[in-house]
Amino acid sequence: VRNGVYPDPYYGTNIESIPGYRAGWWGTSDMPAGSPFAVPWWFRTVFELPADYTGKNIWLHLHSINYKANVWLNGHLIADSSTIEGAYRLFKLDITDYALPGENNCLAFEIITPKDGMDLTITWVDWNPTPPDKAAGIWYDVKITTSDSVEMRHPHVITDLDLPSLDVAHLTISAELTNTSVGSVNGTLEGTIENVNNLIEGGTSEGGPGVIQFSKAFSLAPSETKLVTYTLDISNPRLWWPNNVGTQQLYDLKLDAKVDGVLSDTENVRFGVREISSWMNLF
């Protein structure tokens, strides 16, 4: 499209001119014969890693690939399609043994499209025709991070309200910590919660003063993984309301895993205070 070979598929009926297009409901069917998307597609990039990554654990983050992938770094297969499978899934791959700090690195993806109507992925709805490639590819950012002896995954916030009162929000904050070293470690999980102002981005969260800070000690044996949790209350919370009911107020949570006072790993989560329930009745 950028080079003018095909027209913008988001305009009018231009999508019908893209090779491999099929009208109607076919999201769970095989690719049409001769489709250029029936075969794997490759994505490749070369980048330099900072020299100060030396001696650290190095991680590759994949934030949704559709639908399967084989992943290579510097000629090494670091994950195959039996692992990297499924739209909307998050992966964090240890690339320490293959990454080259201070040098150029080559990262390559072989993307495999959904097959045979058995792969649970994006399909067809009447207002959104199935794209010829079945939305295959790298959907979100690919990034690289580092950690020291303690690595953090799956930061999570659960909010609970004492309905019908909206005076207090009860938060349960958790993160999965893993000791990647050969010795036991003691540390603290430290958190900071701040109000989000995203008005300039077109959002409705207005921000405001006030910062909440907390910490919790942890101990990990060699290679141990532990879910560390912390509970706290927020008085008069700024709430996330559905559209047309109110504004969508947001908070940013920053979690730092520290060992002997030194930062080992960090994660960030944006969340809203809300409570959603459903029930069945006889009307």
C-alpha atoms as a PDB file:
ATOM      1  CA  VAL A   1       0.000   0.000   0.000  1.00  0.00           C
ATOM      2  CA  ARG A   2       2.805   2.414   0.918  1.00  0.00           C
ATOM      3  CA  ASN A   3       4.476   1.762  -2.439  1.00  0.00           C
ATOM      4  CA  GLY A   4       1.255   2.114  -4.410  1.00  0.00           C
ATOM      5  CA  VAL A   5       1.013  -1.535  -5.463  1.00  0.00           C
ATOM      6  CA  TYR A   6      -2.423  -1.932  -3.856  1.00  0.00           C
ATOM      7  CA  PRO A   7      -5.016   0.655  -2.809  1.00  0.00           C
ATOM      8  CA  ASP A   8      -5.778   1.445   0.826  1.00  0.00           C
ATOM      9  CA  PRO A   9      -7.781  -1.617   2.001  1.00  0.00           C
ATOM     10  CA  TYR A  10      -9.562   0.457   4.656  1.00  0.00           C
ATOM     11  CA  TYR A  11     -11.315   2.567   2.026  1.00  0.00           C
ATOM     12  CA  GLY A  12     -14.510   1.505   0.254  1.00  0.00           C
ATOM     13  CA  THR A  13     -14.303  -1.974  -1.258  1.00  0.00           C
ATOM     14  CA  ASN A  14     -10.558  -1.787  -1.908  1.00  0.00           C
ATOM     15  CA  ILE A  15      -9.970  -4.839   0.261  1.00  0.00           C
ATOM     16  CA  GLU A  16     -11.450  -6.943  -2.539  1.00  0.00           C
ATOM     17  CA  SER A  17      -8.425  -6.144  -4.730  1.00  0.00           C
ATOM     18  CA  ILE A  18      -5.924  -7.623  -2.248  1.00  0.00           C
ATOM     19  CA  PRO A  19      -4.672 -11.090  -3.318  1.00  0.00           C
ATOM     20  CA  GLY A  20      -6.207 -13.849  -1.240  1.00  0.00           C
ATOM     21  CA  TYR A  21      -9.415 -11.951  -0.474  1.00  0.00           C
ATOM     22  CA  ARG A  22     -12.562 -14.043  -0.175  1.00  0.00           C
ATOM     23  CA  ALA A  23     -16.018 -12.564   0.290  1.00  0.00           C
ATOM     24  CA  GLY A  24     -18.345 -13.771   2.992  1.00  0.00           C
ATOM     25  CA  TRP A  25     -17.755 -15.862   6.074  1.00  0.00           C
ATOM     26  CA  TRP A  26     -14.478 -17.740   5.773  1.00  0.00           C
ATOM     27  CA  GLY A  27     -12.491 -16.869   8.897  1.00  0.00           C
ATOM     28  CA  THR A  28     -12.510 -20.500  10.016  1.00  0.00           C
ATOM     29  CA  SER A  29     -11.725 -21.906   6.561  1.00  0.00           C
ATOM     30  CA  ASP A  30      -8.417 -22.517   4.834  1.00  0.00           C
ATOM     31  CA  MET A  31      -6.744 -19.803   2.803  1.00  0.00           C
ATOM     32  CA  PRO A  32      -7.933 -19.649  -0.820  1.00  0.00           C
ATOM     33  CA  ALA A  33      -5.760 -21.503  -3.323  1.00  0.00           C
ATOM     34  CA  GLY A  34      -2.885 -19.337  -4.466  1.00  0.00           C
ATOM     35  CA  SER A  35      -3.143 -16.877  -1.580  1.00  0.00           C
ATOM     36  CA  PRO A  36       0.238 -15.257  -0.817  1.00  0.00           C
ATOM     37  CA  PHE A  37      -0.657 -15.515   2.869  1.00  0.00           C
ATOM     38  CA  ALA A  38      -1.009 -19.304   2.894  1.00  0.00           C
ATOM     39  CA  VAL A  39       2.743 -19.558   3.460  1.00  0.00           C
ATOM     40  CA  PRO A  40       4.772 -18.199   6.402  1.00  0.00           C
ATOM     41  CA  TRP A  41       5.885 -14.565   6.318  1.00  0.00           C
ATOM     42  CA  TRP A  42       9.197 -13.355   7.701  1.00  0.00           C
ATOM     43  CA  PHE A  43      10.034 -10.277   9.761  1.00  0.00           C
ATOM     44  CA  ARG A  44      13.662  -9.442  10.497  1.00  0.00           C
ATOM     45  CA  THR A  45      15.511  -6.606  12.208  1.00  0.00           C
ATOM     46  CA  VAL A  46      19.044  -5.784  13.308  1.00  0.00           C
ATOM     47  CA  PHE A  47      19.659  -3.735  16.446  1.00  0.00           C
ATOM     48  CA  GLU A  48      22.430  -2.955  18.910  1.00  0.00           C
ATOM     49  CA  LEU A  49      22.105  -3.898  22.569  1.00  0.00           C
ATOM     50  CA  PRO A  50      23.611  -1.575  25.188  1.00  0.00           C
ATOM     51  CA  ALA A  51      26.973  -2.720  26.488  1.00  0.00           C
ATOM     52  CA  ASP A  52      25.786  -2.401  30.100  1.00  0.00           C
ATOM     53  CA  TYR A  53      23.445  -5.371  29.543  1.00  0.00           C
ATOM     54  CA  THR A  54      26.517  -7.552  30.144  1.00  0.00           C
ATOM     55  CA  GLY A  55      26.086  -9.703  33.244  1.00  0.00           C
ATOM     56  CA  LYS A  56      22.312  -9.209  33.401  1.00  0.00           C
ATOM     57  CA  ASN A  57      19.417 -11.500  32.556  1.00  0.00           C
ATOM     58  CA  ILE A  58      18.044 -10.389  29.178  1.00  0.00           C
ATOM     59  CA  TRP A  59      14.387 -10.924  28.236  1.00  0.00           C
ATOM     60  CA  LEU A  60      12.461 -10.702  24.964  1.00  0.00           C
ATOM     61  CA  HIS A  61       8.809  -9.636  25.374  1.00  0.00           C
ATOM     62  CA  LEU A  62       6.203 -10.539  22.742  1.00  0.00           C
ATOM     63  CA  HIS A  63       2.854  -8.802  23.171  1.00  0.00           C
ATOM     64  CA  SER A  64       0.589 -10.788  20.849  1.00  0.00           C
ATOM     65  CA  ILE A  65       1.475 -12.592  17.653  1.00  0.00           C
ATOM     66  CA  ASN A  66      -1.116 -14.016  15.277  1.00  0.00           C
ATOM     67  CA  TYR A  67      -1.047 -16.924  15.076  1.00  0.00           C
ATOM     68  CA  LYS A  68       2.143 -18.947  15.495  1.00  0.00           C
ATOM     69  CA  ALA A  69       5.817 -18.101  15.214  1.00  0.00           C
ATOM     70  CA  ASN A  70       9.309 -19.503  15.170  1.00  0.00           C
ATOM     71  CA  VAL A  71      11.700 -16.976  16.702  1.00  0.00           C
ATOM     72  CA  TRP A  72      15.447 -16.727  16.043  1.00  0.00           C
ATOM     73  CA  LEU A  73      18.073 -14.536  17.678  1.00  0.00           C
ATOM     74  CA  ASN A  74      21.526 -14.408  16.131  1.00  0.00           C
ATOM     75  CA  GLY A  75      20.875 -17.660  14.291  1.00  0.00           C
ATOM     76  CA  HIS A  76      19.591 -19.534  17.358  1.00  0.00           C
ATOM     77  CA  LEU A  77      16.011 -20.817  17.534  1.00  0.00           C
ATOM     78  CA  ILE A  78      14.904 -19.472  20.920  1.00  0.00           C
ATOM     79  CA  ALA A  79      11.219 -20.500  20.684  1.00  0.00           C
ATOM     80  CA  ASP A  80       9.239 -22.497  18.141  1.00  0.00           C
ATOM     81  CA  SER A  81       5.610 -22.578  17.056  1.00  0.00           C
ATOM     82  CA  SER A  82       4.698 -25.199  19.645  1.00  0.00           C
ATOM     83  CA  THR A  83       5.326 -22.477  22.253  1.00  0.00           C
ATOM     84  CA  ILE A  84       4.535 -19.248  20.403  1.00  0.00           C
ATOM     85  CA  GLU A  85       0.931 -19.996  19.530  1.00  0.00           C
ATOM     86  CA  GLY A  86      -2.288 -18.070  20.063  1.00  0.00           C
ATOM     87  CA  ALA A  87      -3.466 -14.521  19.471  1.00  0.00           C
ATOM     88  CA  TYR A  88      -3.377 -12.051  22.391  1.00  0.00           C
ATOM     89  CA  ARG A  89      -0.940 -14.180  24.408  1.00  0.00           C
ATOM     90  CA  LEU A  90       2.039 -12.600  26.162  1.00  0.00           C
ATOM     91  CA  PHE A  91       5.460 -14.230  26.144  1.00  0.00           C
ATOM     92  CA  LYS A  92       8.659 -13.389  28.021  1.00  0.00           C
ATOM     93  CA  LEU A  93      11.628 -15.327  26.644  1.00  0.00           C
ATOM     94  CA  ASP A  94      15.039 -15.654  28.270  1.00  0.00           C
ATOM     95  CA  ILE A  95      17.595 -14.686  25.604  1.00  0.00           C
ATOM     96  CA  THR A  96      20.573 -14.194  27.926  1.00  0.00           C
ATOM     97  CA  ASP A  97      22.630 -16.988  26.369  1.00  0.00           C
ATOM     98  CA  TYR A  98      22.197 -15.703  22.804  1.00  0.00           C
ATOM     99  CA  ALA A  99      22.120 -11.914  23.138  1.00  0.00           C
ATOM    100  CA  LEU A 100      25.273  -9.908  22.387  1.00  0.00           C
ATOM    101  CA  PRO A 101      25.509  -6.767  24.555  1.00  0.00           C
ATOM    102  CA  GLY A 102      27.439  -3.959  22.908  1.00  0.00           C
ATOM    103  CA  GLU A 103      27.093  -5.559  19.466  1.00  0.00           C
ATOM    104  CA  ASN A 104      24.603  -5.834  16.625  1.00  0.00           C
ATOM    105  CA  ASN A 105      21.951  -8.521  17.088  1.00  0.00           C
ATOM    106  CA  CYS A 106      19.641 -10.059  14.484  1.00  0.00           C
ATOM    107  CA  LEU A 107      16.077 -10.975  15.472  1.00  0.00           C
ATOM    108  CA  ALA A 108      13.852 -12.896  13.021  1.00  0.00           C
ATOM    109  CA  PHE A 109      10.243 -14.099  13.163  1.00  0.00           C
ATOM    110  CA  GLU A 110       8.643 -16.706  10.928  1.00  0.00           C
ATOM    111  CA  ILE A 111       4.923 -15.939  11.236  1.00  0.00           C
ATOM    112  CA  ILE A 112       2.468 -18.759  10.508  1.00  0.00           C
ATOM    113  CA  THR A 113      -1.139 -17.846   9.726  1.00  0.00           C
ATOM    114  CA  PRO A 114      -4.193 -19.490  11.342  1.00  0.00           C
ATOM    115  CA  LYS A 115      -5.013 -22.872   9.817  1.00  0.00           C
ATOM    116  CA  ASP A 116      -7.947 -25.205   9.165  1.00  0.00           C
ATOM    117  CA  GLY A 117     -10.513 -23.325  11.204  1.00  0.00           C
ATOM    118  CA  MET A 118      -9.104 -24.902  14.377  1.00  0.00           C
ATOM    119  CA  ASP A 119      -6.940 -21.990  15.547  1.00  0.00           C
ATOM    120  CA  LEU A 120      -8.698 -19.668  17.995  1.00  0.00           C
ATOM    121  CA  THR A 121      -8.063 -16.225  16.546  1.00  0.00           C
ATOM    122  CA  ILE A 122      -9.738 -13.240  14.908  1.00  0.00           C
ATOM    123  CA  THR A 123     -12.562 -14.367  12.631  1.00  0.00           C
ATOM    124  CA  TRP A 124     -15.416 -12.786  10.693  1.00  0.00           C
ATOM    125  CA  VAL A 125     -18.224 -10.431  11.711  1.00  0.00           C
ATOM    126  CA  ASP A 126     -20.617  -8.840   9.284  1.00  0.00           C
ATOM    127  CA  TRP A 127     -19.264  -5.312   9.733  1.00  0.00           C
ATOM    128  CA  ASN A 128     -15.627  -6.405   9.606  1.00  0.00           C
ATOM    129  CA  PRO A 129     -14.752  -8.730   6.701  1.00  0.00           C
ATOM    130  CA  THR A 130     -11.956 -11.223   7.241  1.00  0.00           C
ATOM    131  CA  PRO A 131      -8.703  -9.720   5.905  1.00  0.00           C
ATOM    132  CA  PRO A 132      -6.875 -11.822   3.304  1.00  0.00           C
ATOM    133  CA  ASP A 133      -4.048 -12.597   5.744  1.00  0.00           C
ATOM    134  CA  LYS A 134      -6.483 -13.386   8.610  1.00  0.00           C
ATOM    135  CA  ALA A 135      -4.830 -10.548  10.572  1.00  0.00           C
ATOM    136  CA  ALA A 136      -1.568 -12.499  10.765  1.00  0.00           C
ATOM    137  CA  GLY A 137       1.583 -10.833  12.007  1.00  0.00           C
ATOM    138  CA  ILE A 138       3.159  -9.057  14.959  1.00  0.00           C
ATOM    139  CA  TRP A 139       0.373  -7.021  16.509  1.00  0.00           C
ATOM    140  CA  TYR A 140       1.998  -5.061  19.309  1.00  0.00           C
ATOM    141  CA  ASP A 141       5.437  -3.947  20.406  1.00  0.00           C
ATOM    142  CA  VAL A 142       8.363  -6.311  20.744  1.00  0.00           C
ATOM    143  CA  LYS A 143      10.719  -5.149  23.476  1.00  0.00           C
ATOM    144  CA  ILE A 144      13.818  -6.229  25.383  1.00  0.00           C
ATOM    145  CA  THR A 145      14.382  -5.718  29.117  1.00  0.00           C
ATOM    146  CA  THR A 146      16.933  -6.815  31.688  1.00  0.00           C
ATOM    147  CA  SER A 147      16.827  -7.968  35.291  1.00  0.00           C
ATOM    148  CA  ASP A 148      19.276  -8.991  37.961  1.00  0.00           C
ATOM    149  CA  SER A 149      18.831 -11.928  40.338  1.00  0.00           C
ATOM    150  CA  VAL A 150      15.070 -11.454  40.871  1.00  0.00           C
ATOM    151  CA  GLU A 151      12.788 -11.365  37.840  1.00  0.00           C
ATOM    152  CA  MET A 152       9.182 -10.120  37.960  1.00  0.00           C
ATOM    153  CA  ARG A 153       6.185 -11.259  35.907  1.00  0.00           C
ATOM    154  CA  HIS A 154       2.402 -10.871  35.766  1.00  0.00           C
ATOM    155  CA  PRO A 155       1.825  -7.712  37.830  1.00  0.00           C
ATOM    156  CA  HIS A 156      -1.875  -7.539  38.628  1.00  0.00           C
ATOM    157  CA  VAL A 157      -4.381  -5.327  40.438  1.00  0.00           C
ATOM    158  CA  ILE A 158      -7.817  -6.457  41.645  1.00  0.00           C
ATOM    159  CA  THR A 159     -10.215  -3.731  42.798  1.00  0.00           C
ATOM    160  CA  ASP A 160     -13.222  -4.280  45.044  1.00  0.00           C
ATOM    161  CA  LEU A 161     -15.900  -1.826  46.197  1.00  0.00           C
ATOM    162  CA  ASP A 162     -18.357  -2.070  49.107  1.00  0.00           C
ATOM    163  CA  LEU A 163     -21.351  -1.396  46.892  1.00  0.00           C
ATOM    164  CA  PRO A 164     -23.549   0.563  46.967  1.00  0.00           C
ATOM    165  CA  SER A 165     -21.019   2.709  48.835  1.00  0.00           C
ATOM    166  CA  LEU A 166     -18.218   4.185  46.737  1.00  0.00           C
ATOM    167  CA  ASP A 167     -16.255   5.573  49.676  1.00  0.00           C
ATOM    168  CA  VAL A 168     -13.444   3.004  49.735  1.00  0.00           C
ATOM    169  CA  ALA A 169     -11.717   0.822  47.142  1.00  0.00           C
ATOM    170  CA  HIS A 170      -9.975  -2.333  48.334  1.00  0.00           C
ATOM    171  CA  LEU A 171      -6.943  -3.212  46.197  1.00  0.00           C
ATOM    172  CA  THR A 172      -5.136  -6.535  45.987  1.00  0.00           C
ATOM    173  CA  ILE A 173      -1.799  -6.090  44.220  1.00  0.00           C
ATOM    174  CA  SER A 174       0.304  -9.062  43.174  1.00  0.00           C
ATOM    175  CA  ALA A 175       3.366  -9.979  41.146  1.00  0.00           C
ATOM    176  CA  GLU A 176       5.222 -13.214  40.459  1.00  0.00           C
ATOM    177  CA  LEU A 177       8.874 -13.084  41.542  1.00  0.00           C
ATOM    178  CA  THR A 178      11.533 -15.620  40.522  1.00  0.00           C
ATOM    179  CA  ASN A 179      15.023 -15.994  41.932  1.00  0.00           C
ATOM    180  CA  THR A 180      17.259 -16.723  38.942  1.00  0.00           C
ATOM    181  CA  SER A 181      20.433 -17.015  41.029  1.00  0.00           C
ATOM    182  CA  VAL A 182      22.046 -20.030  42.731  1.00  0.00           C
ATOM    183  CA  GLY A 183      21.753 -18.499  46.205  1.00  0.00           C
ATOM    184  CA  SER A 184      18.899 -17.407  48.451  1.00  0.00           C
ATOM    185  CA  VAL A 185      17.885 -13.743  48.282  1.00  0.00           C
ATOM    186  CA  ASN A 186      15.999 -11.309  50.509  1.00  0.00           C
ATOM    187  CA  GLY A 187      14.394  -8.203  49.131  1.00  0.00           C
ATOM    188  CA  THR A 188      11.423  -5.870  49.005  1.00  0.00           C
ATOM    189  CA  LEU A 189       8.638  -5.348  46.510  1.00  0.00           C
ATOM    190  CA  GLU A 190       8.050  -1.597  46.432  1.00  0.00           C
ATOM    191  CA  GLY A 191       5.059   0.047  44.816  1.00  0.00           C
ATOM    192  CA  THR A 192       3.965   3.543  43.838  1.00  0.00           C
ATOM    193  CA  ILE A 193       0.444   4.483  42.696  1.00  0.00           C
ATOM    194  CA  GLU A 194      -0.192   7.801  40.940  1.00  0.00           C
ATOM    195  CA  ASN A 195      -3.172   9.426  39.270  1.00  0.00           C
ATOM    196  CA  VAL A 196      -3.207   9.461  35.468  1.00  0.00           C
ATOM    197  CA  ASN A 197      -3.891  12.564  33.400  1.00  0.00           C
ATOM    198  CA  ASN A 198      -4.525  11.527  29.793  1.00  0.00           C
ATOM    199  CA  LEU A 199      -6.690  14.451  28.696  1.00  0.00           C
ATOM    200  CA  ILE A 200      -4.101  15.612  26.174  1.00  0.00           C
ATOM    201  CA  GLU A 201      -4.272  12.127  24.612  1.00  0.00           C
ATOM    202  CA  GLY A 202      -8.048  12.364  24.247  1.00  0.00           C
ATOM    203  CA  GLY A 203      -8.838  10.395  27.398  1.00  0.00           C
ATOM    204  CA  THR A 204     -11.063  11.388  30.305  1.00  0.00           C
ATOM    205  CA  SER A 205      -8.774  10.706  33.272  1.00  0.00           C
ATOM    206  CA  GLU A 206      -8.082  14.069  34.890  1.00  0.00           C
ATOM    207  CA  GLY A 207      -5.190  13.192  37.183  1.00  0.00           C
ATOM    208  CA  GLY A 208      -4.711  14.900  40.510  1.00  0.00           C
ATOM    209  CA  PRO A 209      -2.434  15.182  43.525  1.00  0.00           C
ATOM    210  CA  GLY A 210      -1.486  12.391  45.862  1.00  0.00           C
ATOM    211  CA  VAL A 211       0.886   9.452  45.656  1.00  0.00           C
ATOM    212  CA  ILE A 212       0.487   6.099  47.417  1.00  0.00           C
ATOM    213  CA  GLN A 213       3.609   4.148  48.328  1.00  0.00           C
ATOM    214  CA  PHE A 214       3.987   0.718  49.896  1.00  0.00           C
ATOM    215  CA  SER A 215       6.490  -2.115  50.271  1.00  0.00           C
ATOM    216  CA  LYS A 216       6.570  -5.769  51.283  1.00  0.00           C
ATOM    217  CA  ALA A 217       9.549  -7.935  52.169  1.00  0.00           C
ATOM    218  CA  PHE A 218      10.149 -11.267  50.426  1.00  0.00           C
ATOM    219  CA  SER A 219      12.580 -14.181  50.609  1.00  0.00           C
ATOM    220  CA  LEU A 220      13.329 -16.565  47.754  1.00  0.00           C
ATOM    221  CA  ALA A 221      15.283 -19.804  47.695  1.00  0.00           C
ATOM    222  CA  PRO A 222      17.437 -20.579  44.636  1.00  0.00           C
ATOM    223  CA  SER A 223      15.220 -20.921  41.516  1.00  0.00           C
ATOM    224  CA  GLU A 224      12.084 -20.359  43.615  1.00  0.00           C
ATOM    225  CA  THR A 225       9.040 -18.590  42.164  1.00  0.00           C
ATOM    226  CA  LYS A 226       6.623 -16.924  44.565  1.00  0.00           C
ATOM    227  CA  LEU A 227       3.454 -14.860  44.189  1.00  0.00           C
ATOM    228  CA  VAL A 228       3.873 -11.785  46.383  1.00  0.00           C
ATOM    229  CA  THR A 229       0.661  -9.934  47.289  1.00  0.00           C
ATOM    230  CA  TYR A 230      -0.156  -6.687  49.057  1.00  0.00           C
ATOM    231  CA  THR A 231      -3.536  -5.237  50.055  1.00  0.00           C
ATOM    232  CA  LEU A 232      -4.427  -1.607  50.639  1.00  0.00           C
ATOM    233  CA  ASP A 233      -7.431   0.710  50.680  1.00  0.00           C
ATOM    234  CA  ILE A 234      -7.988   3.942  48.750  1.00  0.00           C
ATOM    235  CA  SER A 235     -10.425   6.424  50.285  1.00  0.00           C
ATOM    236  CA  ASN A 236     -12.726   8.302  47.916  1.00  0.00           C
ATOM    237  CA  PRO A 237     -11.297   6.564  44.841  1.00  0.00           C
ATOM    238  CA  ARG A 238     -11.528   8.062  41.387  1.00  0.00           C
ATOM    239  CA  LEU A 239     -13.705   5.554  39.530  1.00  0.00           C
ATOM    240  CA  TRP A 240     -13.669   4.086  36.026  1.00  0.00           C
ATOM    241  CA  TRP A 241     -17.216   4.423  34.696  1.00  0.00           C
ATOM    242  CA  PRO A 242     -18.692   2.901  31.513  1.00  0.00           C
ATOM    243  CA  ASN A 243     -19.049   5.227  28.540  1.00  0.00           C
ATOM    244  CA  ASN A 244     -21.985   7.642  28.819  1.00  0.00           C
ATOM    245  CA  VAL A 245     -22.210   7.013  32.580  1.00  0.00           C
ATOM    246  CA  GLY A 246     -19.094   8.873  33.680  1.00  0.00           C
ATOM    247  CA  THR A 247     -15.393   9.383  33.073  1.00  0.00           C
ATOM    248  CA  GLN A 248     -12.777   6.630  32.944  1.00  0.00           C
ATOM    249  CA  GLN A 249     -10.385   7.645  35.726  1.00  0.00           C
ATOM    250  CA  LEU A 250      -7.092   5.731  35.792  1.00  0.00           C
ATOM    251  CA  TYR A 251      -4.123   5.000  38.041  1.00  0.00           C
ATOM    252  CA  ASP A 252      -0.532   4.021  37.254  1.00  0.00           C
ATOM    253  CA  LEU A 253       1.156   1.387  39.405  1.00  0.00           C
ATOM    254  CA  LYS A 254       4.946   1.015  39.358  1.00  0.00           C
ATOM    255  CA  LEU A 255       6.410  -2.081  41.024  1.00  0.00           C
ATOM    256  CA  ASP A 256      10.118  -2.412  41.838  1.00  0.00           C
ATOM    257  CA  ALA A 257      11.720  -5.646  43.017  1.00  0.00           C
ATOM    258  CA  LYS A 258      14.828  -4.765  45.015  1.00  0.00           C
ATOM    259  CA  VAL A 259      17.525  -6.998  46.502  1.00  0.00           C
ATOM    260  CA  ASP A 260      19.684  -5.454  49.221  1.00  0.00           C
ATOM    261  CA  GLY A 261      18.249  -2.081  48.230  1.00  0.00           C
ATOM    262  CA  VAL A 262      19.344  -2.410  44.595  1.00  0.00           C
ATOM    263  CA  LEU A 263      16.748  -2.507  41.790  1.00  0.00           C
ATOM    264  CA  SER A 264      16.529  -5.958  40.193  1.00  0.00           C
ATOM    265  CA  ASP A 265      13.410  -5.694  38.015  1.00  0.00           C
ATOM    266  CA  THR A 266      10.496  -3.328  37.456  1.00  0.00           C
ATOM    267  CA  GLU A 267       6.996  -3.480  35.946  1.00  0.00           C
ATOM    268  CA  ASN A 268       4.233  -0.941  35.286  1.00  0.00           C
ATOM    269  CA  VAL A 269       0.458  -1.419  35.245  1.00  0.00           C
ATOM    270  CA  ARG A 270      -2.293   1.054  34.355  1.00  0.00           C
ATOM    271  CA  PHE A 271      -5.627   0.218  35.977  1.00  0.00           C
ATOM    272  CA  GLY A 272      -9.046   1.600  36.808  1.00  0.00           C
ATOM    273  CA  VAL A 273     -11.061   1.198  40.008  1.00  0.00           C
ATOM    274  CA  ARG A 274     -14.282  -0.539  39.060  1.00  0.00           C
ATOM    275  CA  GLU A 275     -16.394  -3.554  39.898  1.00  0.00           C
ATOM    276  CA  ILE A 276     -18.291  -5.529  37.275  1.00  0.00           C
ATOM    277  CA  SER A 277     -20.817  -8.265  38.006  1.00  0.00           C
ATOM    278  CA  SER A 278     -23.356 -10.295  36.080  1.00  0.00           C
ATOM    279  CA  TRP A 279     -26.265 -12.446  37.099  1.00  0.00           C
ATOM    280  CA  MET A 280     -29.180 -14.347  35.637  1.00  0.00           C
ATOM    281  CA  ASN A 281     -32.793 -13.797  36.565  1.00  0.00           C
ATOM    282  CA  LEU A 282     -36.247 -14.546  35.203  1.00  0.00           C
ATOM    283  CA  PHE A 283     -36.883 -10.934  34.175  1.00  0.00           C
END
